[in-house]
Amino acid sequence: MSGSRAPHLKRRNGIYHLRVRVPDRLRDRVGRQEISKSLQTYSPTLARRLAASVSSKVMETFAMLDEFTNATPDQVRGLIQACFAQIRREIDARPPYLPKTDQPEAELEEQTFLTTEEIGRLTLEVGTYAFSQGTSRAAQELLAAQGVHLGQMSEASQRMLLNGMARALIEQQRLGLARLHDPLAVYQPYDPLFERSASTEVEQAKNCEAFGLTLGKAIDAYLAAKKPQWVKKTFTARIVHLGYLKDFLSSSKQLSAITPNDVRRYRKALTMLRANHGRQVHLSFRERLTENVEAQLKNKTASLMFEPVKAFFRWAHEEEGLLEANPAANIRWQPTQTVKSAATRRPFGEDELIMLFGSPLFVGSRSKHRRFDPGETVVRDAKYWIPIIGYYTGMRLGEIVQLHVSDVLIDEKLSYFDLNENSGSGDPKHIKTAAGVRQVPLRPELLALGFSDFIEQRRKWDRPCKRLFSEVTLGADGQASTQFSKFFARLMDRVGLTDPALTFHSFRHGAEDAFRDAELPQYLIDTIMGHSDGKVSSAYGNGPSLSLKADAIRAMKLPIKLTSILAKPY
C-alpha cells in the first residue's frame, strides 16, 4: 500500500489517513483503541508532513495523560467553574459603585482603563503559560476554598489549573467592569468555559473528530512560533486580533474546514467593529459589532487588524503545510472611498497650541493628581515635558518615552538626544526603522524652560529603572507609549481639542512644516526626523553633522514660543 511505510500513515481510496494505536494503559481513559483521522489529501508528500505534525501532538497528549496523576481534565474544569461561581457570587453581593469625587465620568473612565490593562496582562499569561506570582497566589487562595492545594498536584495538573484560573480571573475583571457600568444587567460570560454546562461540552466533544487540528490550536502554535521574532507590543496585539478570529469562527472549528467565504465573512465583520471595542472587554466579538457607521472602526484601522489573519493562514499553508490551500490567499481588503484632501493627521494650529499649552497642566493646576483643574501648582514631570519635547523636536512618542537618562547629553555648546537601541540592563528600547537611530539636537527654548535642571534631578533619582520618564509605566503590550498616548487623549478632550485628526503625532507633522517653512533641504529634514529617502546614497557616510542639525533645529519656524506662555522654571 503506497504511503504505508511512513509511521501511522495509511491510505484508503486514495486519501491518506493517520492511525495511531492508543497505549493499553490509557485505553480506558481515552475510550478507544485507536486514533484515526483523515488528512484529506491525495499527496503522499503533504500527507507525510501532516502525519508527522499531528502524530507528534497525539504523542504529547498521551504523555500529558500519563502525568495527570492528581486530576483529570473534567476535574480541573469542574474546579475552575466552581471557583468562578464563588467569584461571581462575591461580585454580585457588592453594593453598586458610588463616585468618590465630583467627576464620576472620569472615575469610570479610569476604572475601565485599569481593568482593561489587567485583562491584557492576564491574557498574555494565558497565551504564554507564564504566570505571575500574583496570579499564582490568587489561584492558590481560590482553590484552597474548594479544599484543593495546588502544591500537591503534578506539574502538568498545576499548569492546567493555573491556566484555567487565569481565565477565571480575566472573567472576574470583565464581570466587575460590567457591574460597574450597569449593576442590574444580565451578564453572559465571554469565556465559553464559564457559559457552557459540562453535558454540553461532553456532547460537543463526541461530535468533534478526536485530536483534529482546530483553529484555536493552530493559532496557539502560530503565536508560539512567532513570539521570539516579535516585540512584546506586536505579540500582545496578535493575541487580540487572532482572538477575534477564533471568537468569530469558533476556536473548535477544524482548520481544514475554513473556506474563503469564512474569511470574507470575517472581513465584513471587522468593518462593523466598534471604534471603542478595546474597552468592551466583557463582550464577545459579535457583541462588539454595530451597524451605526459613525460608531464603527476606521476602515484603515480595520484593515490593519485583518493583515495578521492573512499572515496566519499564509504561515499555516506555506510554512507548516497545515493547509492544502490558503483560504485567505486571494482575498484583499476593500478600502472605503475617502474624501480627497481629508487628512487623517494634521499639525496643530497656532490657536490650538495656545489652548493646549495654556491649559492647567502647563501653567498651573490644582495639585499633582488634579492636573486638569486650574490652580497654582506646576509639576514638571513626564506629563509636562513629553509634549514640549514633541513640539520642539518632532520626535515620535515612542522614541521620547523610552529615552534613558544616559540618552540625554547636556552641554554648553551643543545638547542633544541620542536615539538608539542600547538598553543595557534597563528597560528595552525599540527604534521603528534604521533611519530612526539618530541624534536630535535640543532647541535653546527647551533648555530655557528648565529642561537641563530636570535632567540633573533625574540623574540623582535612586530608581532601578533607567528610563528618563520612568513614572510612565509600561502597558500590557510592554510599551510606555501606550499609557501616555491614552493620557494625552484625555488631556486633549479636557482642553477641548476634539478633532480626531489631532493626536500626539500632530507635533511631528508640525515639526515637518516648521522645517520646510525655514526652507531647509529635505535630506537634512529627513535626517532629523528619522525618515529614509530610499536612496542608496543615504547609506553612505555619517550624514549631516550634529552642528548642522542644530542650526536646522534653531531655524525651525514654529507657530508659537512656549517661553512666553509657560510659567517661569523653578
Protein backbone atom coordinates (compact mmCIF):
# COMPACT_ATOMS: atom_id res chain seq x y z
CA MET A 1 0.00 0.00 0.00
CA SER A 2 1.53 3.28 -1.12
CA GLY A 3 2.44 5.52 1.77
CA SER A 4 2.22 2.79 4.40
CA ARG A 5 5.94 2.98 5.11
CA ALA A 6 5.53 6.31 6.88
CA PRO A 7 4.72 5.94 10.61
CA HIS A 8 0.99 5.92 11.39
CA LEU A 9 0.10 6.67 7.75
CA LYS A 10 -2.48 4.63 5.77
CA ARG A 11 -4.32 5.19 2.50
CA ARG A 12 -7.98 4.47 1.83
CA ASN A 13 -9.48 5.02 -1.61
CA GLY A 14 -6.50 7.22 -2.43
CA ILE A 15 -6.95 9.51 0.59
CA TYR A 16 -4.35 9.38 3.35
CA HIS A 17 -5.34 8.78 6.97
CA LEU A 18 -3.48 8.98 10.25
CA ARG A 19 -3.85 5.94 12.55
CA VAL A 20 -2.24 5.85 15.98
CA ARG A 21 -2.66 2.97 18.44
CA VAL A 22 -3.65 4.05 21.96
CA PRO A 23 -1.33 2.54 24.61
CA ASP A 24 -3.01 -0.17 26.70
CA ARG A 25 -2.54 1.82 29.92
CA LEU A 26 -4.54 4.73 28.51
CA ARG A 27 -7.38 2.97 26.66
CA ASP A 28 -9.87 3.26 29.50
CA ARG A 29 -9.23 6.99 29.84
CA VAL A 30 -9.22 7.72 26.10
CA GLY A 31 -12.19 5.46 25.45
CA ARG A 32 -10.89 3.85 22.25
CA GLN A 33 -8.16 1.56 20.98
CA GLU A 34 -7.03 3.68 18.06
CA ILE A 35 -6.98 7.32 16.98
CA SER A 36 -7.94 7.68 13.32
CA LYS A 37 -8.13 10.91 11.33
CA SER A 38 -8.44 11.71 7.64
CA LEU A 39 -5.68 14.00 6.40
CA GLN A 40 -7.88 14.99 3.43
CA THR A 41 -5.11 14.80 0.86
CA TYR A 42 -4.06 12.57 -2.04
CA SER A 43 -0.49 13.87 -1.93
CA PRO A 44 1.98 11.50 -0.21
CA THR A 45 4.45 14.33 0.40
CA LEU A 46 1.88 16.55 2.11
CA ALA A 47 0.46 13.54 3.96
CA ARG A 48 3.84 12.70 5.47
CA ARG A 49 4.26 16.29 6.70
CA LEU A 50 0.78 16.37 8.19
CA ALA A 51 1.19 12.94 9.77
CA ALA A 52 4.44 13.97 11.42
CA SER A 53 2.84 17.11 12.85
CA VAL A 54 -0.43 15.57 14.02
CA SER A 55 1.08 12.34 15.38
CA SER A 56 3.55 14.33 17.48
CA LYS A 57 0.60 16.20 19.02
CA VAL A 58 -1.12 12.89 19.76
CA MET A 59 2.01 11.57 21.46
CA GLU A 60 2.25 14.76 23.51
CA THR A 61 -1.35 14.21 24.58
CA PHE A 62 -0.58 10.65 25.65
CA ALA A 63 2.37 11.95 27.70
CA MET A 64 0.16 14.55 29.37
CA LEU A 65 -2.43 11.90 30.24
CA ASP A 66 0.31 9.89 31.92
CA GLU A 67 1.21 12.88 34.09
CA PHE A 68 -2.32 13.65 35.27
CA THR A 69 -2.00 11.64 38.45
CA ASN A 70 -3.88 14.08 40.65
CA ALA A 71 -6.68 15.39 38.44
CA THR A 72 -8.44 14.58 35.21
CA PRO A 73 -9.35 17.37 32.77
CA ASP A 74 -13.00 17.04 33.84
CA GLN A 75 -11.99 17.51 37.47
CA VAL A 76 -9.88 20.55 36.62
CA ARG A 77 -12.73 22.03 34.60
CA GLY A 78 -15.14 21.48 37.47
CA LEU A 79 -12.77 23.10 39.98
CA ILE A 80 -12.29 26.18 37.83
CA GLN A 81 -16.02 26.55 37.23
CA ALA A 82 -16.68 26.21 40.97
CA CYS A 83 -14.09 28.91 41.70
CA PHE A 84 -15.66 31.26 39.18
CA ALA A 85 -19.11 30.63 40.65
CA GLN A 86 -17.72 31.78 44.01
CA ILE A 87 -16.14 34.83 42.37
CA ARG A 88 -19.44 35.71 40.72
CA ARG A 89 -21.37 35.44 43.99
CA GLU A 90 -18.90 37.77 45.70
CA ILE A 91 -19.06 40.39 42.94
CA ASP A 92 -22.85 40.28 42.75
CA ALA A 93 -23.01 40.78 46.52
CA ARG A 94 -21.08 44.04 46.34
CA PRO A 95 -23.01 47.32 46.59
CA PRO A 96 -23.21 49.45 43.41
CA TYR A 97 -20.21 51.67 42.71
CA LEU A 98 -20.54 55.17 44.16
CA PRO A 99 -18.37 58.01 42.78
CA LYS A 100 -15.88 59.46 45.26
CA THR A 101 -15.42 62.84 43.53
CA ASP A 102 -17.45 65.35 41.54
CA GLN A 103 -16.17 63.82 38.29
CA PRO A 104 -17.94 60.43 38.03
CA GLU A 105 -17.28 60.07 34.29
CA ALA A 106 -13.53 60.49 34.80
CA GLU A 107 -13.64 57.93 37.63
CA LEU A 108 -15.46 55.39 35.45
CA GLU A 109 -13.01 56.02 32.62
CA GLU A 110 -10.06 55.43 34.95
CA GLN A 111 -11.57 52.23 36.37
CA THR A 112 -12.27 50.99 32.84
CA PHE A 113 -8.70 51.77 31.79
CA LEU A 114 -7.18 49.93 34.79
CA THR A 115 -9.42 46.92 34.25
CA THR A 116 -8.53 46.76 30.56
CA GLU A 117 -4.83 46.81 31.43
CA GLU A 118 -5.28 43.95 33.92
CA ILE A 119 -7.18 41.88 31.37
CA GLY A 120 -4.39 42.46 28.86
CA ARG A 121 -1.79 41.31 31.38
CA LEU A 122 -3.73 38.15 32.30
CA THR A 123 -4.47 37.37 28.63
CA LEU A 124 -0.74 37.44 27.94
CA GLU A 125 -0.18 34.99 30.82
CA VAL A 126 -2.81 32.63 29.42
CA GLY A 127 -1.27 32.76 25.96
CA THR A 128 2.29 32.16 27.17
CA TYR A 129 1.70 29.93 30.25
CA ALA A 130 4.00 32.33 32.14
CA PHE A 131 2.06 33.11 35.31
CA SER A 132 2.94 35.91 37.71
CA GLN A 133 3.21 35.50 41.47
CA GLY A 134 0.00 37.46 41.88
CA THR A 135 -1.90 35.06 39.63
CA SER A 136 -0.42 32.04 41.41
CA ARG A 137 -1.38 33.42 44.84
CA ALA A 138 -4.92 34.20 43.72
CA ALA A 139 -5.26 30.69 42.25
CA GLN A 140 -3.97 29.08 45.45
CA GLU A 141 -6.44 31.04 47.60
CA LEU A 142 -9.43 30.27 45.39
CA LEU A 143 -8.54 26.59 45.11
CA ALA A 144 -7.91 26.32 48.86
CA ALA A 145 -11.51 27.45 49.40
CA GLN A 146 -12.51 24.38 47.38
CA GLY A 147 -10.30 22.12 49.53
CA VAL A 148 -7.58 21.77 46.88
CA HIS A 149 -3.88 22.50 47.46
CA LEU A 150 -2.08 23.44 44.26
CA GLY A 151 1.32 22.35 45.55
CA GLN A 152 0.14 18.74 45.87
CA MET A 153 -0.76 18.47 42.18
CA SER A 154 1.51 17.13 39.46
CA GLU A 155 3.34 19.73 37.38
CA ALA A 156 1.08 19.17 34.38
CA SER A 157 -2.05 19.46 36.53
CA GLN A 158 -0.74 22.69 38.06
CA ARG A 159 -0.24 24.18 34.59
CA MET A 160 -3.79 23.27 33.63
CA LEU A 161 -5.19 24.72 36.83
CA LEU A 162 -3.17 27.93 36.63
CA ASN A 163 -4.20 28.45 33.03
CA GLY A 164 -7.84 27.91 33.91
CA MET A 165 -7.62 30.13 36.99
CA ALA A 166 -6.06 32.92 34.94
CA ARG A 167 -9.05 32.64 32.60
CA ALA A 168 -11.33 32.84 35.64
CA LEU A 169 -9.52 35.99 36.82
CA ILE A 170 -9.98 37.53 33.36
CA GLU A 171 -13.69 36.77 33.56
CA GLN A 172 -13.72 38.27 37.06
CA GLN A 173 -12.39 41.56 35.63
CA ARG A 174 -14.98 41.51 32.83
CA LEU A 175 -17.79 40.86 35.27
CA GLY A 176 -16.59 43.61 37.59
CA LEU A 177 -16.48 46.03 34.68
CA ALA A 178 -19.99 45.07 33.57
CA ARG A 179 -21.33 45.61 37.11
CA LEU A 180 -19.50 48.94 37.28
CA HIS A 181 -21.44 50.28 34.29
CA ASP A 182 -24.78 48.51 34.93
CA PRO A 183 -25.32 46.64 38.24
CA LEU A 184 -28.63 45.16 37.06
CA ALA A 185 -27.62 43.92 33.61
CA VAL A 186 -27.71 40.20 32.88
CA TYR A 187 -24.12 39.11 32.48
CA GLN A 188 -23.20 36.46 29.93
CA PRO A 189 -19.62 35.17 30.39
CA TYR A 190 -17.32 35.86 27.46
CA ASP A 191 -15.18 32.74 28.01
CA PRO A 192 -17.04 29.59 26.89
CA LEU A 193 -15.50 27.70 29.83
CA PHE A 194 -17.94 29.50 32.13
CA GLU A 195 -21.07 29.61 29.99
CA ARG A 196 -21.47 26.02 28.86
CA SER A 197 -22.59 23.13 31.00
CA ALA A 198 -20.46 20.02 31.37
CA SER A 199 -23.05 17.97 29.48
CA THR A 200 -22.90 20.36 26.53
CA GLU A 201 -19.11 20.14 26.46
CA VAL A 202 -19.21 16.33 26.52
CA GLU A 203 -21.72 16.31 23.67
CA GLN A 204 -19.55 18.67 21.63
CA ALA A 205 -16.51 16.54 22.31
CA LYS A 206 -18.31 13.49 20.92
CA ASN A 207 -19.20 15.36 17.76
CA CYS A 208 -15.61 16.53 17.19
CA GLU A 209 -13.12 14.31 15.47
CA ALA A 210 -10.55 13.15 18.00
CA PHE A 211 -7.33 15.18 18.08
CA GLY A 212 -8.24 17.14 14.97
CA LEU A 213 -6.24 20.31 14.42
CA THR A 214 -8.60 23.12 15.37
CA LEU A 215 -8.35 26.82 14.60
CA GLY A 216 -7.62 27.55 18.24
CA LYS A 217 -4.71 25.10 18.47
CA ALA A 218 -3.29 26.29 15.16
CA ILE A 219 -3.35 29.92 16.30
CA ASP A 220 -1.69 28.97 19.58
CA ALA A 221 1.07 27.19 17.64
CA TYR A 222 1.48 30.21 15.36
CA LEU A 223 1.82 32.62 18.28
CA ALA A 224 4.36 30.37 19.98
CA ALA A 225 6.41 30.10 16.78
CA LYS A 226 6.43 33.83 16.07
CA LYS A 227 6.82 35.16 19.61
CA PRO A 228 10.66 35.21 19.52
CA GLN A 229 10.53 37.32 16.33
CA TRP A 230 8.12 39.98 17.62
CA VAL A 231 8.44 42.73 20.18
CA LYS A 232 6.08 42.38 23.13
CA LYS A 233 3.66 45.00 21.77
CA THR A 234 3.26 43.11 18.49
CA PHE A 235 2.80 39.78 20.26
CA THR A 236 0.11 41.19 22.55
CA ALA A 237 -1.72 42.76 19.60
CA ARG A 238 -1.64 39.47 17.68
CA ILE A 239 -3.23 37.66 20.64
CA VAL A 240 -6.13 40.13 20.49
CA HIS A 241 -6.54 40.21 16.71
CA LEU A 242 -6.38 36.43 16.23
CA GLY A 243 -8.53 36.01 19.32
CA TYR A 244 -11.27 37.87 17.45
CA LEU A 245 -10.92 35.38 14.59
CA LYS A 246 -11.21 32.44 17.00
CA ASP A 247 -14.27 34.00 18.60
CA PHE A 248 -15.94 34.66 15.24
CA LEU A 249 -15.33 31.28 13.58
CA SER A 250 -15.15 29.24 16.84
CA SER A 251 -11.94 28.03 18.39
CA SER A 252 -13.04 24.40 17.93
CA LYS A 253 -13.63 24.74 14.16
CA GLN A 254 -11.42 22.40 12.13
CA LEU A 255 -8.65 24.39 10.46
CA SER A 256 -9.05 22.41 7.24
CA ALA A 257 -12.78 23.25 7.16
CA ILE A 258 -12.24 27.01 6.92
CA THR A 259 -13.21 28.35 3.49
CA PRO A 260 -12.60 31.63 1.63
CA ASN A 261 -16.21 32.51 2.37
CA ASP A 262 -15.46 32.27 6.12
CA VAL A 263 -12.58 34.71 5.65
CA ARG A 264 -14.79 37.09 3.65
CA ARG A 265 -17.45 36.98 6.38
CA TYR A 266 -14.83 37.84 8.98
CA ARG A 267 -13.52 40.67 6.81
CA LYS A 268 -17.05 42.08 6.63
CA ALA A 269 -17.45 41.75 10.41
CA LEU A 270 -14.25 43.73 11.01
CA THR A 271 -15.70 46.70 9.14
CA MET A 272 -18.57 46.72 11.66
CA LEU A 273 -16.36 46.60 14.77
CA ARG A 274 -16.97 49.43 17.22
CA ALA A 275 -14.30 52.09 17.48
CA ASN A 276 -14.16 51.58 21.26
CA HIS A 277 -14.05 47.76 21.00
CA GLY A 278 -10.95 47.64 23.22
CA ARG A 279 -12.92 48.96 26.19
CA GLN A 280 -15.75 46.46 25.83
CA VAL A 281 -13.72 43.64 27.31
CA HIS A 282 -16.76 41.91 28.84
CA LEU A 283 -18.39 41.45 25.41
CA SER A 284 -17.81 38.81 22.77
CA PHE A 285 -16.54 39.79 19.32
CA ARG A 286 -20.03 39.69 17.80
CA GLU A 287 -21.39 41.84 20.63
CA ARG A 288 -18.79 44.49 19.79
CA LEU A 289 -20.16 44.94 16.27
CA THR A 290 -22.50 47.77 15.30
CA GLU A 291 -24.39 48.85 12.19
CA ASN A 292 -24.02 52.50 13.21
CA VAL A 293 -21.42 53.73 10.71
CA GLU A 294 -20.49 56.69 12.93
CA ALA A 295 -19.52 54.35 15.77
CA GLN A 296 -17.55 51.90 13.63
CA LEU A 297 -13.80 51.49 13.43
CA LYS A 298 -11.99 53.44 10.74
CA ASN A 299 -11.50 51.43 7.57
CA LYS A 300 -7.72 51.80 7.72
CA THR A 301 -7.58 50.58 11.32
CA ALA A 302 -9.79 47.59 10.49
CA SER A 303 -7.53 46.72 7.55
CA LEU A 304 -4.51 46.62 9.89
CA MET A 305 -6.39 44.12 12.06
CA PHE A 306 -7.10 41.96 9.01
CA GLU A 307 -3.44 41.65 7.99
CA PRO A 308 -2.47 39.35 10.91
CA VAL A 309 -5.25 36.98 9.84
CA LYS A 310 -3.82 36.75 6.32
CA ALA A 311 -0.34 36.24 7.78
CA PHE A 312 -1.60 33.40 9.98
CA PHE A 313 -3.19 31.49 7.09
CA ARG A 314 -0.11 32.11 4.95
CA TRP A 315 2.04 30.57 7.72
CA ALA A 316 -0.29 27.58 8.09
CA HIS A 317 -0.16 26.88 4.35
CA GLU A 318 3.32 27.86 3.21
CA GLU A 319 5.50 27.35 6.28
CA GLU A 320 3.87 24.45 8.13
CA GLY A 321 1.85 22.64 5.47
CA LEU A 322 -1.19 22.52 7.76
CA LEU A 323 -3.46 23.54 4.87
CA GLU A 324 -3.54 22.29 1.30
CA ALA A 325 -4.75 25.72 0.18
CA ASN A 326 -4.70 29.15 1.81
CA PRO A 327 -8.34 30.30 2.22
CA ALA A 328 -7.23 33.94 2.51
CA ALA A 329 -4.76 33.91 -0.40
CA ASN A 330 -6.88 35.78 -2.95
CA ILE A 331 -8.88 37.94 -0.54
CA ARG A 332 -7.93 41.60 -0.40
CA TRP A 333 -9.07 44.32 1.94
CA GLN A 334 -11.70 46.60 0.42
CA PRO A 335 -10.95 50.22 1.37
CA THR A 336 -13.77 52.72 1.55
CA GLN A 337 -13.67 55.84 -0.56
CA THR A 338 -12.44 58.80 1.45
CA VAL A 339 -12.93 62.49 0.79
CA LYS A 340 -9.97 63.81 -1.18
CA SER A 341 -7.62 66.08 0.76
CA ALA A 342 -9.11 64.89 4.06
CA ALA A 343 -6.06 64.37 6.27
CA THR A 344 -6.09 61.60 8.86
CA ARG A 345 -3.47 63.57 10.83
CA ARG A 346 -2.67 67.29 10.71
CA PRO A 347 -0.43 69.70 12.61
CA PHE A 348 -1.73 71.86 15.45
CA GLY A 349 -2.73 75.39 14.52
CA GLU A 350 -1.45 78.41 16.46
CA ASP A 351 -4.71 78.84 18.42
CA GLU A 352 -4.83 75.12 19.20
CA LEU A 353 -1.27 75.15 20.53
CA ILE A 354 -2.14 78.10 22.78
CA MET A 355 -5.18 76.18 24.06
CA LEU A 356 -3.07 73.10 24.76
CA PHE A 357 -0.01 74.67 26.38
CA GLY A 358 -2.10 77.31 28.11
CA SER A 359 -4.06 74.59 29.94
CA PRO A 360 -3.68 73.96 33.73
CA LEU A 361 -1.26 71.08 33.21
CA PHE A 362 1.37 73.53 31.90
CA VAL A 363 0.57 76.88 33.56
CA GLY A 364 -0.81 75.82 36.95
CA SER A 365 -3.08 73.05 38.21
CA ARG A 366 -4.84 72.29 41.47
CA SER A 367 -2.41 69.55 42.53
CA LYS A 368 -0.20 66.77 41.19
CA HIS A 369 -3.23 64.49 40.99
CA ARG A 370 -5.67 67.16 39.68
CA ARG A 371 -3.70 68.28 36.65
CA PHE A 372 -6.73 69.26 34.58
CA ASP A 373 -8.16 71.67 37.17
CA PRO A 374 -6.84 75.29 37.37
CA GLY A 375 -4.56 76.13 40.28
CA GLU A 376 -1.09 77.34 41.11
CA THR A 377 0.89 74.07 41.05
CA VAL A 378 3.18 73.35 38.10
CA VAL A 379 4.57 69.82 38.23
CA ARG A 380 7.42 69.43 35.75
CA ASP A 381 7.36 65.67 35.23
CA ALA A 382 6.75 63.36 32.27
CA LYS A 383 3.26 64.74 31.61
CA TYR A 384 4.74 68.24 31.40
CA TRP A 385 7.93 67.58 29.41
CA ILE A 386 6.93 64.93 26.87
CA PRO A 387 4.50 67.17 24.87
CA ILE A 388 7.04 70.02 24.98
CA ILE A 389 9.77 67.76 23.60
CA GLY A 390 7.38 66.55 20.91
CA TYR A 391 6.62 70.16 19.91
CA TYR A 392 10.27 71.24 19.69
CA THR A 393 11.75 68.13 18.06
CA GLY A 394 9.01 66.26 16.16
CA MET A 395 10.24 63.00 17.72
CA ARG A 396 7.85 60.07 17.83
CA LEU A 397 6.07 59.48 21.14
CA GLY A 398 7.62 56.02 21.43
CA GLU A 399 11.09 57.50 20.94
CA ILE A 400 10.57 60.05 23.73
CA VAL A 401 9.06 57.83 26.44
CA GLN A 402 11.72 55.12 26.06
CA LEU A 403 14.66 57.51 26.44
CA HIS A 404 17.14 56.52 29.12
CA VAL A 405 18.70 59.22 31.29
CA SER A 406 22.02 58.48 29.59
CA ASP A 407 20.46 59.27 26.18
CA VAL A 408 20.25 62.99 27.01
CA LEU A 409 23.54 64.86 26.69
CA ILE A 410 23.53 68.42 28.06
CA ASP A 411 26.46 70.59 27.01
CA GLU A 412 27.03 74.32 26.98
CA LYS A 413 27.87 74.24 23.27
CA LEU A 414 25.53 71.57 21.90
CA SER A 415 22.92 69.44 23.71
CA TYR A 416 21.12 66.56 22.03
CA PHE A 417 19.03 63.39 22.35
CA ASP A 418 20.85 60.20 21.35
CA LEU A 419 18.23 57.82 19.92
CA ASN A 420 19.49 54.25 19.99
CA GLU A 421 18.58 50.70 20.99
CA ASN A 422 21.33 50.29 23.61
CA SER A 423 19.22 49.15 26.56
CA GLY A 424 21.94 47.78 28.83
CA SER A 425 20.27 46.47 31.98
CA GLY A 426 17.39 48.94 31.73
CA ASP A 427 14.01 48.77 30.01
CA PRO A 428 14.39 47.63 26.39
CA LYS A 429 14.26 50.22 23.59
CA HIS A 430 12.96 49.79 20.07
CA ILE A 431 13.54 52.16 17.16
CA LYS A 432 10.97 51.94 14.37
CA THR A 433 13.42 51.99 11.45
CA ALA A 434 17.17 52.06 10.83
CA ALA A 435 16.85 55.74 9.94
CA GLY A 436 15.34 56.32 13.38
CA VAL A 437 18.70 55.68 15.06
CA ARG A 438 19.99 59.26 15.14
CA GLN A 439 20.94 62.29 17.22
CA VAL A 440 18.44 65.14 17.61
CA PRO A 441 19.75 68.48 18.94
CA LEU A 442 17.79 70.32 21.62
CA ARG A 443 16.28 73.69 20.73
CA PRO A 444 17.51 76.52 23.03
CA GLU A 445 13.94 77.29 24.23
CA LEU A 446 13.71 73.78 25.67
CA LEU A 447 16.72 74.47 27.86
CA ALA A 448 15.39 77.94 28.73
CA LEU A 449 12.28 76.25 30.16
CA GLY A 450 14.44 74.41 32.68
CA PHE A 451 14.91 71.06 30.96
CA SER A 452 18.60 70.86 31.92
CA ASP A 453 17.66 71.24 35.61
CA PHE A 454 15.10 68.47 35.18
CA ILE A 455 17.79 66.20 33.72
CA GLU A 456 20.08 66.88 36.66
CA GLN A 457 17.30 65.94 39.07
CA ARG A 458 16.61 62.71 37.21
CA ARG A 459 20.28 61.75 37.27
CA LYS A 460 20.09 61.81 41.06
CA TRP A 461 16.99 59.57 41.21
CA ASP A 462 17.58 56.39 43.18
CA ARG A 463 15.46 54.17 40.94
CA PRO A 464 16.33 50.86 39.28
CA CYS A 465 14.64 51.95 36.04
CA LYS A 466 16.97 53.80 33.68
CA ARG A 467 14.21 55.49 31.68
CA LEU A 468 14.12 59.27 31.86
CA PHE A 469 10.33 59.24 32.29
CA SER A 470 10.05 56.11 34.42
CA GLU A 471 6.82 57.32 36.06
CA VAL A 472 5.10 56.44 32.76
CA THR A 473 4.55 52.75 33.40
CA LEU A 474 4.68 50.05 30.76
CA GLY A 475 1.37 48.96 29.28
CA ALA A 476 0.19 45.39 28.83
CA ASP A 477 2.00 45.43 25.48
CA GLY A 478 5.29 46.32 27.15
CA GLN A 479 5.32 49.85 25.71
CA ALA A 480 5.26 53.03 27.81
CA SER A 481 3.94 54.97 24.81
CA THR A 482 0.64 53.09 25.09
CA GLN A 483 0.00 54.52 28.55
CA PHE A 484 0.99 58.09 27.71
CA SER A 485 -1.00 58.09 24.47
CA LYS A 486 -4.17 57.42 26.47
CA PHE A 487 -3.32 60.18 28.93
CA PHE A 488 -2.66 62.65 26.10
CA ALA A 489 -6.03 61.78 24.53
CA ARG A 490 -7.75 62.60 27.83
CA LEU A 491 -5.79 65.85 28.04
CA MET A 492 -6.93 66.84 24.55
CA ASP A 493 -10.55 66.13 25.43
CA ARG A 494 -10.37 68.23 28.60
CA VAL A 495 -8.74 71.11 26.74
CA GLY A 496 -11.46 71.00 24.07
CA LEU A 497 -9.33 69.80 21.14
CA THR A 498 -11.63 67.04 19.92
CA ASP A 499 -10.71 66.92 16.24
CA PRO A 500 -9.75 63.25 15.61
CA ALA A 501 -7.06 64.44 13.18
CA LEU A 502 -5.18 65.93 16.14
CA THR A 503 -3.04 63.46 18.11
CA PHE A 504 0.43 63.45 19.64
CA HIS A 505 1.71 62.62 16.15
CA SER A 506 0.45 66.07 15.08
CA PHE A 507 3.58 67.52 16.72
CA ARG A 508 5.59 65.53 14.18
CA HIS A 509 3.56 66.96 11.30
CA GLY A 510 4.05 70.44 12.72
CA ALA A 511 7.81 70.00 13.01
CA GLU A 512 7.99 68.86 9.38
CA ASP A 513 6.15 72.02 8.30
CA ALA A 514 8.37 74.19 10.53
CA PHE A 515 11.47 72.81 8.81
CA ARG A 516 10.00 73.33 5.34
CA ASP A 517 8.94 76.89 6.17
CA ALA A 518 12.58 77.54 7.07
CA GLU A 519 13.43 76.42 3.50
CA LEU A 520 15.75 73.66 4.69
CA PRO A 521 16.82 70.87 2.30
CA GLN A 522 14.68 67.73 2.54
CA TYR A 523 17.65 65.42 3.12
CA LEU A 524 18.50 67.40 6.27
CA ILE A 525 14.89 67.32 7.46
CA ASP A 526 14.71 63.55 6.92
CA THR A 527 17.91 63.03 8.91
CA ILE A 528 16.49 64.89 11.92
CA MET A 529 13.01 63.36 11.67
CA GLY A 530 14.32 59.81 11.23
CA HIS A 531 12.90 59.27 7.74
CA SER A 532 14.62 57.31 5.00
CA ASP A 533 14.52 58.74 1.47
CA GLY A 534 15.08 55.29 0.00
CA LYS A 535 18.14 56.39 -1.95
CA VAL A 536 21.31 54.29 -1.95
CA SER A 537 23.39 57.41 -1.32
CA SER A 538 21.72 57.93 2.07
CA ALA A 539 23.52 54.82 3.36
CA TYR A 540 26.95 56.33 2.61
CA GLY A 541 28.89 58.36 5.14
CA ASN A 542 27.66 59.59 8.53
CA GLY A 543 25.17 62.10 7.16
CA PRO A 544 24.86 65.77 8.17
CA SER A 545 26.93 66.82 11.17
CA LEU A 546 25.39 67.39 14.57
CA SER A 547 26.18 71.12 14.40
CA LEU A 548 24.40 71.39 11.03
CA LYS A 549 21.34 69.68 12.50
CA ALA A 550 21.49 72.02 15.50
CA ASP A 551 21.39 75.01 13.13
CA ALA A 552 18.35 73.46 11.44
CA ILE A 553 16.58 72.97 14.78
CA ARG A 554 17.19 76.64 15.67
CA ALA A 555 15.91 77.70 12.23
CA MET A 556 12.53 75.97 12.61
CA LYS A 557 9.64 78.40 12.11
CA LEU A 558 7.34 77.16 14.86
CA PRO A 559 3.90 78.78 15.35
CA ILE A 560 4.40 79.90 18.99
CA LYS A 561 7.11 80.37 21.61
CA LEU A 562 6.40 78.35 24.72
CA THR A 563 8.72 80.57 26.77
CA SER A 564 6.11 83.32 26.50
CA ILE A 565 3.26 81.04 27.67
CA LEU A 566 4.63 78.71 30.32
CA ALA A 567 5.41 79.67 33.89
CA LYS A 568 8.99 80.56 34.77
CA PRO A 569 11.00 77.43 35.59
CA TYR A 570 11.73 76.57 39.19
